[in-house]
N, C-alpha and C. Protein backbone atom coordinates (compact mmCIF):
# COMPACT_ATOMS: atom_id res chain seq x y z
N MET A 1 -59.15 -3.62 -13.41
CA MET A 1 -59.02 -5.42 -13.54
C MET A 1 -59.11 -6.59 -12.45
N SER A 2 -59.57 -7.52 -12.53
CA SER A 2 -60.04 -8.14 -11.61
C SER A 2 -58.73 -9.40 -11.64
N TYR A 3 -58.30 -9.62 -11.14
CA TYR A 3 -57.33 -10.88 -10.21
C TYR A 3 -57.64 -12.38 -10.00
N THR A 4 -57.20 -13.04 -10.11
CA THR A 4 -57.39 -14.39 -9.60
C THR A 4 -56.68 -13.98 -7.84
N PRO A 5 -57.99 -15.10 -7.31
CA PRO A 5 -57.65 -15.23 -5.43
C PRO A 5 -56.85 -15.75 -4.54
N LYS A 6 -55.75 -16.69 -5.41
CA LYS A 6 -54.26 -17.09 -4.99
C LYS A 6 -53.44 -16.92 -5.74
N LEU A 7 -53.40 -16.66 -6.65
CA LEU A 7 -52.33 -16.02 -7.66
C LEU A 7 -51.66 -15.19 -7.58
N ASN A 8 -53.35 -14.03 -7.92
CA ASN A 8 -53.06 -13.06 -8.63
C ASN A 8 -53.10 -12.85 -10.05
N LEU A 9 -52.91 -13.57 -10.78
CA LEU A 9 -53.05 -13.43 -12.32
C LEU A 9 -53.99 -12.23 -12.95
N PRO A 10 -54.09 -11.54 -13.76
CA PRO A 10 -54.84 -11.06 -13.98
C PRO A 10 -56.05 -11.77 -15.17
N LEU A 11 -57.21 -12.00 -14.56
CA LEU A 11 -58.56 -11.68 -16.22
C LEU A 11 -58.22 -11.18 -16.67
N LEU A 12 -58.76 -11.93 -18.34
CA LEU A 12 -59.34 -11.24 -19.81
C LEU A 12 -60.33 -9.85 -18.63
N ALA A 13 -60.83 -8.98 -19.21
CA ALA A 13 -62.51 -8.24 -18.80
C ALA A 13 -63.16 -8.14 -20.07
N PRO A 14 -64.33 -8.31 -19.70
CA PRO A 14 -64.68 -8.26 -21.50
C PRO A 14 -65.09 -7.33 -22.20
N ASN A 15 -64.76 -7.42 -23.97
CA ASN A 15 -64.23 -6.89 -25.20
C ASN A 15 -63.34 -6.26 -24.53
N GLN A 16 -62.22 -6.62 -24.02
CA GLN A 16 -60.99 -5.84 -23.41
C GLN A 16 -60.17 -5.80 -24.71
N ALA A 17 -59.86 -4.79 -25.18
CA ALA A 17 -58.57 -4.45 -26.06
C ALA A 17 -58.04 -4.51 -25.84
N GLN A 18 -56.58 -5.34 -26.73
CA GLN A 18 -54.95 -5.79 -26.12
C GLN A 18 -54.59 -7.15 -25.72
N LYS A 19 -56.11 -8.10 -25.11
CA LYS A 19 -55.66 -9.57 -24.61
C LYS A 19 -54.87 -10.07 -24.71
N HIS A 20 -53.72 -9.95 -25.43
CA HIS A 20 -52.43 -10.41 -25.60
C HIS A 20 -51.31 -10.34 -24.44
N VAL A 21 -51.69 -8.86 -24.05
CA VAL A 21 -51.38 -8.16 -23.06
C VAL A 21 -51.36 -8.71 -21.31
N THR A 22 -52.57 -8.34 -21.43
CA THR A 22 -53.30 -9.72 -20.25
C THR A 22 -52.88 -10.79 -20.01
N VAL A 23 -52.64 -11.85 -21.09
CA VAL A 23 -52.47 -13.16 -21.37
C VAL A 23 -51.35 -13.25 -21.27
N ASN A 24 -49.99 -12.73 -21.57
CA ASN A 24 -48.94 -12.68 -21.27
C ASN A 24 -48.87 -12.32 -20.14
N ASP A 25 -48.97 -11.34 -19.31
CA ASP A 25 -48.49 -11.20 -17.93
C ASP A 25 -49.38 -12.52 -17.37
N ALA A 26 -50.18 -13.16 -17.39
CA ALA A 26 -50.68 -14.29 -16.32
C ALA A 26 -49.16 -14.95 -16.83
N ILE A 27 -49.29 -15.37 -18.48
CA ILE A 27 -47.87 -16.67 -18.59
C ILE A 27 -46.96 -16.23 -17.51
N ALA A 28 -45.65 -15.43 -17.59
CA ALA A 28 -45.25 -14.89 -17.03
C ALA A 28 -45.03 -14.96 -15.59
N ARG A 29 -45.85 -14.30 -14.84
CA ARG A 29 -46.02 -14.58 -13.97
C ARG A 29 -46.10 -16.39 -13.42
N THR A 30 -47.10 -17.07 -14.37
CA THR A 30 -47.03 -18.93 -13.85
C THR A 30 -45.50 -19.20 -14.16
N ASP A 31 -45.16 -19.01 -14.85
CA ASP A 31 -43.77 -18.75 -15.30
C ASP A 31 -42.41 -19.33 -13.72
N ALA A 32 -42.56 -17.95 -13.46
CA ALA A 32 -42.57 -17.49 -12.85
C ALA A 32 -42.58 -17.83 -11.40
N LEU A 33 -43.62 -18.53 -10.66
CA LEU A 33 -43.97 -19.02 -9.80
C LEU A 33 -44.09 -21.23 -9.72
N VAL A 34 -44.01 -21.16 -10.64
CA VAL A 34 -44.14 -22.61 -11.28
C VAL A 34 -42.38 -23.24 -11.15
N HIS A 35 -41.81 -22.16 -12.02
CA HIS A 35 -40.16 -22.97 -11.98
C HIS A 35 -39.14 -21.75 -11.08
N LEU A 36 -40.57 -21.34 -9.87
CA LEU A 36 -39.06 -20.24 -9.13
C LEU A 36 -37.48 -21.23 -8.18
N HIS A 37 -37.21 -20.44 -8.99
CA HIS A 37 -35.20 -20.39 -8.72
C HIS A 37 -35.14 -19.44 -8.02
N LEU A 38 -34.57 -19.25 -6.88
CA LEU A 38 -34.49 -17.79 -5.90
C LEU A 38 -33.14 -17.66 -6.36
N GLU A 39 -32.42 -16.37 -7.15
CA GLU A 39 -31.24 -15.83 -7.37
C GLU A 39 -30.63 -15.47 -5.83
N SER A 40 -31.05 -15.00 -4.69
CA SER A 40 -30.05 -14.29 -3.33
C SER A 40 -32.01 -14.28 -2.78
N ILE A 41 -31.71 -14.30 -1.51
CA ILE A 41 -32.49 -14.30 -0.19
C ILE A 41 -32.18 -13.15 0.29
N GLY A 42 -32.96 -12.34 0.48
CA GLY A 42 -33.09 -11.03 1.22
C GLY A 42 -32.16 -10.26 0.55
N ILE A 43 -32.65 -9.77 -0.62
CA ILE A 43 -32.29 -8.98 -1.09
C ILE A 43 -32.15 -7.31 -0.53
N ALA A 44 -31.96 -5.98 -0.27
CA ALA A 44 -32.15 -4.93 0.30
C ALA A 44 -32.13 -3.69 -0.79
N LEU A 45 -30.72 -4.56 -1.96
CA LEU A 45 -30.94 -3.14 -2.98
C LEU A 45 -31.20 -3.85 -4.37
N GLN A 46 -31.89 -3.48 -5.71
CA GLN A 46 -32.48 -3.82 -6.30
C GLN A 46 -30.52 -3.63 -7.15
N PRO A 47 -30.93 -5.61 -7.15
CA PRO A 47 -29.61 -5.69 -8.42
C PRO A 47 -29.33 -4.77 -9.85
N THR A 48 -28.12 -4.43 -9.99
CA THR A 48 -27.81 -3.68 -11.13
C THR A 48 -27.61 -3.95 -12.25
N GLU A 49 -27.57 -5.27 -12.68
CA GLU A 49 -27.58 -6.39 -13.72
C GLU A 49 -28.23 -7.57 -13.92
N ILE A 50 -29.30 -7.54 -14.24
CA ILE A 50 -30.62 -9.15 -13.90
C ILE A 50 -31.05 -10.03 -14.93
N ALA A 51 -30.88 -11.07 -15.31
CA ALA A 51 -30.93 -11.49 -16.87
C ALA A 51 -33.06 -11.64 -16.22
N ASP A 52 -33.69 -11.42 -17.84
CA ASP A 52 -34.57 -11.94 -17.37
C ASP A 52 -35.07 -13.20 -17.21
N GLY A 53 -36.42 -12.81 -16.20
CA GLY A 53 -36.91 -15.06 -15.23
C GLY A 53 -36.21 -14.83 -14.11
N ALA A 54 -35.08 -13.98 -13.72
CA ALA A 54 -34.58 -14.01 -12.20
C ALA A 54 -34.97 -14.02 -11.00
N CYS A 55 -35.20 -14.19 -10.21
CA CYS A 55 -36.02 -13.66 -8.97
C CYS A 55 -35.40 -14.01 -7.45
N PHE A 56 -35.59 -13.08 -7.18
CA PHE A 56 -35.20 -12.91 -5.96
C PHE A 56 -36.30 -12.42 -4.53
N LEU A 57 -35.83 -13.01 -3.48
CA LEU A 57 -36.73 -12.73 -2.13
C LEU A 57 -36.27 -10.83 -1.91
N VAL A 58 -37.13 -10.71 -1.91
CA VAL A 58 -36.90 -9.11 -0.94
C VAL A 58 -36.37 -8.98 0.11
N HIS A 59 -35.46 -8.42 0.82
CA HIS A 59 -35.43 -8.06 2.51
C HIS A 59 -36.40 -7.24 3.08
N GLU A 60 -36.58 -7.47 4.35
CA GLU A 60 -38.65 -7.13 4.81
C GLU A 60 -37.88 -5.95 4.76
N ALA A 61 -36.64 -4.81 5.28
CA ALA A 61 -36.26 -3.17 5.17
C ALA A 61 -35.69 -3.22 3.86
N PRO A 62 -36.05 -3.07 2.76
CA PRO A 62 -35.52 -2.74 1.56
C PRO A 62 -34.79 -1.30 1.78
N ASP A 63 -34.33 -0.71 0.25
CA ASP A 63 -33.94 0.60 0.34
C ASP A 63 -35.38 1.05 -0.55
N ALA A 64 -35.98 2.63 -0.51
CA ALA A 64 -36.61 3.12 -0.93
C ALA A 64 -37.20 2.44 -2.13
N GLU A 65 -36.55 2.06 -3.01
CA GLU A 65 -36.61 1.32 -4.43
C GLU A 65 -37.19 -0.28 -4.53
N LEU A 66 -37.35 -0.56 -3.41
CA LEU A 66 -37.64 -1.74 -3.52
C LEU A 66 -39.00 -1.95 -2.13
N ALA A 67 -39.19 -0.55 -1.82
CA ALA A 67 -39.84 -0.56 -0.49
C ALA A 67 -41.41 -1.04 -0.52
N ASP A 68 -41.98 -0.89 -2.08
CA ASP A 68 -43.33 -1.87 -1.91
C ASP A 68 -42.90 -3.37 -2.12
N ALA A 69 -41.90 -4.08 -2.30
CA ALA A 69 -41.95 -5.38 -2.27
C ALA A 69 -41.46 -6.11 -1.40
N ALA A 70 -41.09 -5.21 -0.13
CA ALA A 70 -40.47 -5.16 1.19
C ALA A 70 -41.44 -7.57 1.36
N GLY A 71 -40.38 -8.56 1.73
CA GLY A 71 -40.90 -9.94 2.27
C GLY A 71 -41.86 -10.12 0.79
N GLN A 72 -41.72 -10.48 -0.21
CA GLN A 72 -42.02 -10.49 -1.46
C GLN A 72 -40.72 -11.09 -2.57
N ILE A 73 -41.48 -12.07 -3.01
CA ILE A 73 -40.87 -12.71 -4.48
C ILE A 73 -40.18 -11.16 -5.62
N ALA A 74 -39.46 -10.98 -6.11
CA ALA A 74 -39.59 -10.22 -7.25
C ALA A 74 -39.43 -10.64 -8.55
N TRP A 75 -39.34 -10.43 -9.62
CA TRP A 75 -38.95 -11.22 -10.78
C TRP A 75 -38.86 -10.37 -11.75
N ARG A 76 -37.80 -10.30 -12.53
CA ARG A 76 -37.29 -9.73 -13.83
C ARG A 76 -37.89 -10.32 -14.75
N ASP A 77 -38.92 -9.25 -15.69
CA ASP A 77 -39.46 -9.88 -16.76
C ASP A 77 -39.40 -8.72 -18.06
N ASP A 78 -39.48 -9.38 -18.97
CA ASP A 78 -38.72 -7.91 -20.32
C ASP A 78 -38.03 -6.80 -19.55
N GLY A 79 -37.16 -7.17 -19.40
CA GLY A 79 -36.88 -5.69 -18.73
C GLY A 79 -37.29 -4.17 -17.81
N ALA A 80 -38.12 -5.20 -16.86
CA ALA A 80 -38.33 -4.60 -16.15
C ALA A 80 -38.47 -5.77 -14.75
């Protein structure tokens, strides 16, 4: 799959099946970035109860569950 260079939004591929999945992912990412409101800065552990749309800045040295997101913004979308 190809992505945009700046916002890393997914691009549709020619003859792609289930195009709505890619489009919905791009819309959700754009929504999270355009209306960015951080619930917490520097979380090291994943919160247990998170509402969809909540955004967090992940600590530089998080636990193993968030290790891939160190120093990045994480948001909850569609239960994940």
